[in-house]
Amino acid sequence: MAENQDPVFQIQRVYLKEASLEQPNSPAILLEQEQPTVDIQLGVEAGQVAEGIYEVAVTATVTTKIKDRTVFLVEAKQAGIFEIRNVPEDQMSPIMGIACPQIVYPYLRGNVSDIVTRAGFPPVHLAEINFQAMYEQQQAAPQPSQIITTA
């Protein structure tokens, strides 16, 4: 009997891999009336963990400041484990750079909002991300891509 060569793409698990919150200037900065600035950085990492099994993680770093003083800093990494088999090699990078992050990202958004709210701040809502456009932009850029593949 021949081995099944149908393409396989399945979510095995989505989990919060890492999360941290820092409020280095509390409680004094909480009395400030000035509106803070918010900076959000996103990154995607992908790597193979076993034969046909891959981990894809989306990381968000949210830094909120008043002038040069940090109100809070949240770093969170949401990851997913995916079974990907019998897929042409030229499709693997787009799957791990577009499809997998699109699945993981909504969980990251919810966790970041929850962490910020539980810390006593108004929620930070991470915007929807077009991972296809982000992937295409990274592929066209001359510098190394933010999508890191590890063996």
Foldseek 3Di string as FASTA:
>chain_A
DDDDLDKDKDWPDKFWPDKDKDQPDPPVCVPDPDAKDKDKDKFWEKEADDVQKIKIKIKIWIFIDDPPHTRMIMITIMMTIIRTGNDDPVCVVCCRQAVRCLVRVVVVQVVQQVVQVVVPHHGDGDDDDRSVVLSVVQVPDPDHRRYHYDD
